[in-house]
C-alpha atoms as a PDB file:
ATOM      1  CA  MET A   1      42.587  12.008 -24.781  1.00  0.00           C
ATOM      2  CA  ILE A   2      43.746   8.632 -23.464  1.00  0.00           C
ATOM      3  CA  ASP A   3      44.185   5.955 -26.113  1.00  0.00           C
ATOM      4  CA  LYS A   4      42.420   2.908 -24.669  1.00  0.00           C
ATOM      5  CA  ILE A   5      41.485   1.252 -27.960  1.00  0.00           C
ATOM      6  CA  ALA A   6      41.398  -2.506 -27.434  1.00  0.00           C
ATOM      7  CA  LYS A   7      44.198  -4.589 -28.883  1.00  0.00           C
ATOM      8  CA  THR A   8      42.333  -7.723 -29.908  1.00  0.00           C
ATOM      9  CA  GLN A   9      43.306 -11.255 -30.929  1.00  0.00           C
ATOM     10  CA  TYR A  10      40.844 -11.133 -33.814  1.00  0.00           C
ATOM     11  CA  PRO A  11      39.189  -8.228 -35.688  1.00  0.00           C
ATOM     12  CA  ILE A  12      36.121  -6.648 -34.077  1.00  0.00           C
ATOM     13  CA  ASP A  13      34.111  -3.530 -34.896  1.00  0.00           C
ATOM     14  CA  ASP A  14      35.772  -0.228 -34.037  1.00  0.00           C
ATOM     15  CA  LEU A  15      32.903   0.798 -31.733  1.00  0.00           C
ATOM     16  CA  LEU A  16      33.617  -2.248 -29.591  1.00  0.00           C
ATOM     17  CA  ARG A  17      37.340  -1.520 -29.580  1.00  0.00           C
ATOM     18  CA  GLN A  18      36.722   2.082 -28.519  1.00  0.00           C
ATOM     19  CA  ARG A  19      34.347   1.283 -25.658  1.00  0.00           C
ATOM     20  CA  TRP A  20      35.882   1.383 -22.200  1.00  0.00           C
ATOM     21  CA  SER A  21      34.909   2.463 -18.687  1.00  0.00           C
ATOM     22  CA  PRO A  22      36.633   5.698 -17.642  1.00  0.00           C
ATOM     23  CA  LEU A  23      36.874   7.182 -14.173  1.00  0.00           C
ATOM     24  CA  ALA A  24      37.570  10.751 -15.296  1.00  0.00           C
ATOM     25  CA  PHE A  25      34.431  12.388 -16.653  1.00  0.00           C
ATOM     26  CA  SER A  26      33.963  15.901 -17.968  1.00  0.00           C
ATOM     27  CA  THR A  27      31.222  17.937 -16.325  1.00  0.00           C
ATOM     28  CA  GLN A  28      30.017  18.863 -19.834  1.00  0.00           C
ATOM     29  CA  THR A  29      26.276  18.333 -20.079  1.00  0.00           C
ATOM     30  CA  VAL A  30      25.050  15.384 -22.120  1.00  0.00           C
ATOM     31  CA  GLU A  31      22.647  16.702 -24.724  1.00  0.00           C
ATOM     32  CA  PRO A  32      19.066  15.516 -24.029  1.00  0.00           C
ATOM     33  CA  ASP A  33      18.646  14.162 -27.569  1.00  0.00           C
ATOM     34  CA  LYS A  34      21.790  12.051 -27.167  1.00  0.00           C
ATOM     35  CA  LEU A  35      20.620  10.754 -23.800  1.00  0.00           C
ATOM     36  CA  ARG A  36      17.273   9.786 -25.296  1.00  0.00           C
ATOM     37  CA  SER A  37      19.023   8.007 -28.179  1.00  0.00           C
ATOM     38  CA  ILE A  38      21.188   6.053 -25.735  1.00  0.00           C
ATOM     39  CA  LEU A  39      18.162   4.928 -23.741  1.00  0.00           C
ATOM     40  CA  GLU A  40      16.293   4.114 -26.961  1.00  0.00           C
ATOM     41  CA  ALA A  41      19.190   1.860 -27.964  1.00  0.00           C
ATOM     42  CA  ALA A  42      18.894   0.021 -24.647  1.00  0.00           C
ATOM     43  CA  SER A  43      15.238  -0.691 -25.374  1.00  0.00           C
ATOM     44  CA  TRP A  44      16.187  -2.647 -28.506  1.00  0.00           C
ATOM     45  CA  ALA A  45      18.324  -5.240 -26.740  1.00  0.00           C
ATOM     46  CA  ALA A  46      17.285  -8.881 -27.008  1.00  0.00           C
ATOM     47  CA  SER A  47      15.382 -10.393 -24.090  1.00  0.00           C
ATOM     48  CA  SER A  48      13.737 -13.673 -23.149  1.00  0.00           C
ATOM     49  CA  PHE A  49      10.197 -13.777 -24.597  1.00  0.00           C
ATOM     50  CA  ASN A  50      10.738 -10.074 -25.451  1.00  0.00           C
ATOM     51  CA  GLU A  51       9.809  -9.250 -21.843  1.00  0.00           C
ATOM     52  CA  GLN A  52      12.274  -6.336 -21.731  1.00  0.00           C
ATOM     53  CA  PRO A  53      12.748  -6.662 -17.950  1.00  0.00           C
ATOM     54  CA  TRP A  54      14.871  -3.513 -17.643  1.00  0.00           C
ATOM     55  CA  SER A  55      14.153  -0.133 -16.116  1.00  0.00           C
ATOM     56  CA  PHE A  56      16.523   2.822 -15.722  1.00  0.00           C
ATOM     57  CA  ILE A  57      16.349   5.484 -13.038  1.00  0.00           C
ATOM     58  CA  VAL A  58      18.099   8.552 -14.477  1.00  0.00           C
ATOM     59  CA  ALA A  59      19.465  11.648 -12.723  1.00  0.00           C
ATOM     60  CA  THR A  60      21.245  14.522 -14.469  1.00  0.00           C
ATOM     61  CA  SER A  61      23.523  17.059 -12.836  1.00  0.00           C
ATOM     62  CA  ASP A  62      21.248  19.963 -13.784  1.00  0.00           C
ATOM     63  CA  ASN A  63      18.763  18.615 -11.216  1.00  0.00           C
ATOM     64  CA  LYS A  64      20.965  18.781  -8.134  1.00  0.00           C
ATOM     65  CA  VAL A  65      18.460  17.214  -5.736  1.00  0.00           C
ATOM     66  CA  GLU A  66      17.852  14.115  -7.853  1.00  0.00           C
ATOM     67  CA  PHE A  67      21.521  13.834  -8.774  1.00  0.00           C
ATOM     68  CA  GLU A  68      22.569  13.902  -5.108  1.00  0.00           C
ATOM     69  CA  ARG A  69      19.957  11.253  -4.288  1.00  0.00           C
ATOM     70  CA  LEU A  70      21.374   8.834  -6.794  1.00  0.00           C
ATOM     71  CA  LEU A  71      24.956   9.730  -5.901  1.00  0.00           C
ATOM     72  CA  SER A  72      24.182   8.969  -2.247  1.00  0.00           C
ATOM     73  CA  ILE A  73      23.579   5.276  -2.920  1.00  0.00           C
ATOM     74  CA  LEU A  74      27.039   4.783  -4.410  1.00  0.00           C
ATOM     75  CA  ALA A  75      29.919   3.347  -2.399  1.00  0.00           C
ATOM     76  CA  GLN A  76      32.250   6.060  -1.144  1.00  0.00           C
ATOM     77  CA  GLY A  77      35.022   4.999  -3.507  1.00  0.00           C
ATOM     78  CA  ASN A  78      32.685   5.400  -6.489  1.00  0.00           C
ATOM     79  CA  GLN A  79      31.313   8.734  -5.266  1.00  0.00           C
ATOM     80  CA  GLU A  80      34.857  10.096  -5.379  1.00  0.00           C
ATOM     81  CA  TRP A  81      34.909  10.117  -9.192  1.00  0.00           C
ATOM     82  CA  ALA A  82      31.268   9.596 -10.241  1.00  0.00           C
ATOM     83  CA  GLN A  83      30.201  12.918  -8.701  1.00  0.00           C
ATOM     84  CA  TYR A  84      31.686  14.679 -11.750  1.00  0.00           C
ATOM     85  CA  ALA A  85      29.767  12.679 -14.359  1.00  0.00           C
ATOM     86  CA  PRO A  86      26.805  14.672 -15.703  1.00  0.00           C
ATOM     87  CA  VAL A  87      24.461  11.660 -15.743  1.00  0.00           C
ATOM     88  CA  LEU A  88      23.966   8.900 -13.188  1.00  0.00           C
ATOM     89  CA  MET A  89      21.648   5.950 -13.694  1.00  0.00           C
ATOM     90  CA  LEU A  90      20.494   2.845 -11.890  1.00  0.00           C
ATOM     91  CA  SER A  91      19.446  -0.236 -13.846  1.00  0.00           C
ATOM     92  CA  VAL A  92      16.683  -2.367 -12.348  1.00  0.00           C
ATOM     93  CA  ALA A  93      15.547  -5.876 -13.281  1.00  0.00           C
ATOM     94  CA  LYS A  94      11.975  -7.181 -13.191  1.00  0.00           C
ATOM     95  CA  LEU A  95      12.328 -10.673 -11.717  1.00  0.00           C
ATOM     96  CA  HIS A  96       9.136 -12.341 -12.984  1.00  0.00           C
ATOM     97  CA  PHE A  97       7.590 -12.760 -16.412  1.00  0.00           C
ATOM     98  CA  GLU A  98       4.621 -10.542 -17.199  1.00  0.00           C
ATOM     99  CA  ARG A  99       3.113 -13.331 -19.311  1.00  0.00           C
ATOM    100  CA  ASN A 100       2.710 -15.935 -16.543  1.00  0.00           C
ATOM    101  CA  GLY A 101       4.231 -14.657 -13.292  1.00  0.00           C
ATOM    102  CA  ASN A 102       7.009 -17.254 -13.322  1.00  0.00           C
ATOM    103  CA  GLU A 103      10.526 -16.385 -12.238  1.00  0.00           C
ATOM    104  CA  ASN A 104      12.577 -14.892 -15.063  1.00  0.00           C
ATOM    105  CA  ARG A 105      15.948 -16.568 -14.545  1.00  0.00           C
ATOM    106  CA  HIS A 106      17.407 -14.480 -17.344  1.00  0.00           C
ATOM    107  CA  ALA A 107      16.329 -11.059 -16.067  1.00  0.00           C
ATOM    108  CA  PHE A 108      19.807  -9.965 -14.984  1.00  0.00           C
ATOM    109  CA  HIS A 109      21.272 -11.290 -18.245  1.00  0.00           C
ATOM    110  CA  ASP A 110      18.761  -9.259 -20.240  1.00  0.00           C
ATOM    111  CA  VAL A 111      19.351  -6.080 -18.223  1.00  0.00           C
ATOM    112  CA  GLY A 112      23.055  -6.576 -18.909  1.00  0.00           C
ATOM    113  CA  ALA A 113      22.312  -6.903 -22.616  1.00  0.00           C
ATOM    114  CA  ALA A 114      20.375  -3.632 -22.510  1.00  0.00           C
ATOM    115  CA  ALA A 115      23.263  -1.931 -20.701  1.00  0.00           C
ATOM    116  CA  ALA A 116      25.743  -3.250 -23.261  1.00  0.00           C
ATOM    117  CA  THR A 117      23.588  -1.906 -26.110  1.00  0.00           C
ATOM    118  CA  LEU A 118      23.360   1.400 -24.254  1.00  0.00           C
ATOM    119  CA  ALA A 119      27.162   1.476 -23.934  1.00  0.00           C
ATOM    120  CA  ILE A 120      27.722   0.905 -27.652  1.00  0.00           C
ATOM    121  CA  GLN A 121      25.260   3.655 -28.614  1.00  0.00           C
ATOM    122  CA  ALA A 122      26.994   5.980 -26.156  1.00  0.00           C
ATOM    123  CA  THR A 123      30.344   5.177 -27.793  1.00  0.00           C
ATOM    124  CA  ALA A 124      28.879   5.939 -31.215  1.00  0.00           C
ATOM    125  CA  LEU A 125      27.916   9.391 -29.908  1.00  0.00           C
ATOM    126  CA  GLY A 126      31.320  10.115 -28.377  1.00  0.00           C
ATOM    127  CA  LEU A 127      30.178   9.308 -24.836  1.00  0.00           C
ATOM    128  CA  PHE A 128      31.245   6.714 -22.284  1.00  0.00           C
ATOM    129  CA  ILE A 129      29.652   4.804 -19.441  1.00  0.00           C
ATOM    130  CA  HIS A 130      31.093   3.205 -16.326  1.00  0.00           C
ATOM    131  CA  GLN A 131      28.942   0.583 -14.625  1.00  0.00           C
ATOM    132  CA  MET A 132      29.307   0.030 -10.890  1.00  0.00           C
ATOM    133  CA  ALA A 133      28.545  -2.888  -8.621  1.00  0.00           C
ATOM    134  CA  GLY A 134      29.505  -0.763  -5.619  1.00  0.00           C
ATOM    135  CA  PHE A 135      26.243   0.742  -4.380  1.00  0.00           C
ATOM    136  CA  ASP A 136      23.830   0.258  -1.485  1.00  0.00           C
ATOM    137  CA  VAL A 137      21.044  -1.975  -2.800  1.00  0.00           C
ATOM    138  CA  ALA A 138      18.836  -1.610   0.286  1.00  0.00           C
ATOM    139  CA  LYS A 139      19.155   2.180   0.246  1.00  0.00           C
ATOM    140  CA  ALA A 140      18.353   2.275  -3.470  1.00  0.00           C
ATOM    141  CA  LYS A 141      15.176   0.269  -2.874  1.00  0.00           C
ATOM    142  CA  GLU A 142      14.176   2.540  -0.022  1.00  0.00           C
ATOM    143  CA  ILE A 143      14.747   5.964  -1.528  1.00  0.00           C
ATOM    144  CA  TYR A 144      13.261   5.042  -4.909  1.00  0.00           C
ATOM    145  CA  GLY A 145      10.400   2.900  -3.638  1.00  0.00           C
ATOM    146  CA  ILE A 146      11.456  -0.036  -5.790  1.00  0.00           C
ATOM    147  CA  PRO A 147       8.728  -2.645  -5.252  1.00  0.00           C
ATOM    148  CA  GLU A 148       9.000  -6.330  -4.478  1.00  0.00           C
ATOM    149  CA  GLY A 149       9.744  -8.333  -7.600  1.00  0.00           C
ATOM    150  CA  TYR A 150      12.271  -5.805  -8.876  1.00  0.00           C
ATOM    151  CA  GLU A 151      15.987  -5.718  -8.089  1.00  0.00           C
ATOM    152  CA  PRO A 152      18.606  -2.990  -8.641  1.00  0.00           C
ATOM    153  CA  VAL A 153      21.382  -4.338 -10.866  1.00  0.00           C
ATOM    154  CA  ALA A 154      24.070  -1.693 -11.467  1.00  0.00           C
ATOM    155  CA  ALA A 155      24.765   1.990 -11.067  1.00  0.00           C
ATOM    156  CA  ILE A 156      25.964   3.748 -14.224  1.00  0.00           C
ATOM    157  CA  ALA A 157      27.909   6.965 -14.783  1.00  0.00           C
ATOM    158  CA  LEU A 158      27.588   8.523 -18.248  1.00  0.00           C
ATOM    159  CA  GLY A 159      29.348  11.436 -19.882  1.00  0.00           C
ATOM    160  CA  TYR A 160      32.208  12.753 -21.964  1.00  0.00           C
ATOM    161  CA  LEU A 161      35.812  11.925 -21.142  1.00  0.00           C
ATOM    162  CA  GLY A 162      37.471  14.185 -18.595  1.00  0.00           C
ATOM    163  CA  ASP A 163      41.036  14.999 -17.577  1.00  0.00           C
ATOM    164  CA  PRO A 164      42.712  12.122 -15.684  1.00  0.00           C
ATOM    165  CA  GLN A 165      44.796  14.706 -13.818  1.00  0.00           C
ATOM    166  CA  THR A 166      41.686  15.592 -11.805  1.00  0.00           C
ATOM    167  CA  LEU A 167      41.748  12.122 -10.220  1.00  0.00           C
ATOM    168  CA  SER A 168      43.630  11.057  -7.121  1.00  0.00           C
ATOM    169  CA  ASP A 169      46.987   9.365  -7.668  1.00  0.00           C
ATOM    170  CA  LYS A 170      45.439   5.957  -6.986  1.00  0.00           C
ATOM    171  CA  LEU A 171      42.627   6.503  -9.485  1.00  0.00           C
ATOM    172  CA  GLN A 172      45.022   7.929 -12.059  1.00  0.00           C
ATOM    173  CA  GLN A 173      46.954   4.664 -11.939  1.00  0.00           C
ATOM    174  CA  ARG A 174      43.746   2.760 -12.678  1.00  0.00           C
ATOM    175  CA  GLU A 175      42.799   5.173 -15.447  1.00  0.00           C
ATOM    176  CA  MET A 176      46.146   4.992 -17.195  1.00  0.00           C
ATOM    177  CA  SER A 177      46.696   1.245 -16.895  1.00  0.00           C
ATOM    178  CA  PRO A 178      46.415  -0.777 -20.128  1.00  0.00           C
ATOM    179  CA  ARG A 179      43.235  -2.688 -20.854  1.00  0.00           C
ATOM    180  CA  THR A 180      43.487  -6.468 -20.661  1.00  0.00           C
ATOM    181  CA  ARG A 181      41.271  -9.428 -21.480  1.00  0.00           C
ATOM    182  CA  LYS A 182      41.548 -13.178 -21.047  1.00  0.00           C
ATOM    183  CA  PRO A 183      42.570 -14.952 -24.253  1.00  0.00           C
ATOM    184  CA  LEU A 184      39.760 -16.793 -26.052  1.00  0.00           C
ATOM    185  CA  GLU A 185      41.269 -20.217 -25.365  1.00  0.00           C
ATOM    186  CA  THR A 186      40.617 -19.735 -21.640  1.00  0.00           C
ATOM    187  CA  PHE A 187      36.840 -19.372 -22.005  1.00  0.00           C
ATOM    188  CA  VAL A 188      35.774 -20.820 -25.390  1.00  0.00           C
ATOM    189  CA  PHE A 189      35.244 -24.572 -25.111  1.00  0.00           C
ATOM    190  CA  SER A 190      34.038 -27.427 -27.304  1.00  0.00           C
ATOM    191  CA  GLY A 191      32.816 -30.894 -26.352  1.00  0.00           C
ATOM    192  CA  GLY A 192      32.968 -30.312 -22.608  1.00  0.00           C
ATOM    193  CA  TRP A 193      34.015 -27.959 -19.857  1.00  0.00           C
ATOM    194  CA  ASN A 194      37.621 -26.805 -20.302  1.00  0.00           C
ATOM    195  CA  GLN A 195      38.041 -28.734 -23.540  1.00  0.00           C
ATOM    196  CA  PRO A 196      39.690 -26.325 -26.022  1.00  0.00           C
ATOM    197  CA  SER A 197      37.599 -25.308 -28.997  1.00  0.00           C
ATOM    198  CA  PRO A 198      38.947 -25.838 -32.528  1.00  0.00           C
ATOM    199  CA  LEU A 199      37.481 -22.406 -33.340  1.00  0.00           C
ATOM    200  CA  VAL A 200      40.355 -20.808 -31.443  1.00  0.00           C
ATOM    201  CA  ASN A 201      43.804 -20.726 -32.976  1.00  0.00           C
ATOM    202  CA  ARG A 202      46.149 -22.001 -30.260  1.00  0.00           C
ATOM    203  CA  SER A 203      49.337 -21.776 -32.301  1.00  0.00           C
END
């Protein structure tokens, strides 16, 4: 198994350090109880006014027709590796508040929070997700009948880690490359935009 545990500036929980987005997935089936637990975790994310503006379209590889439908909306480069994941999903945001019909400016943020919670629960169960921006939004709306007022956000592959040797040379390079993050001092500010925060040790 590839060691992709995050090397952090400051201590964080091990689940967060272990979470990453693989390209090589095993075809091993994700147990239904685990999948339900992962989706349950997503439902407990925070959201503006507790509107919970997220929906998930889910396709598993044991239903070939539905799996191929969801796979078909992915960009070709993502289909290359995502076809081996046993679960594909599409997250969808509800764009207006149920309570008053006003635009929910935070809908995408809240769907992202649900996906992050989903990812952490998956990690706790020995599973991994890879979220994708590369998919055909118009095709997704058409084949799933997604109504006006809702917007597809991200495609998601879910499963157990697979063998990187099954990937193309180009994808293997991506899979094996070290994980990197911007240092805190580049995005944590105090007193104004781009003013360094005293919370961050710059020594």
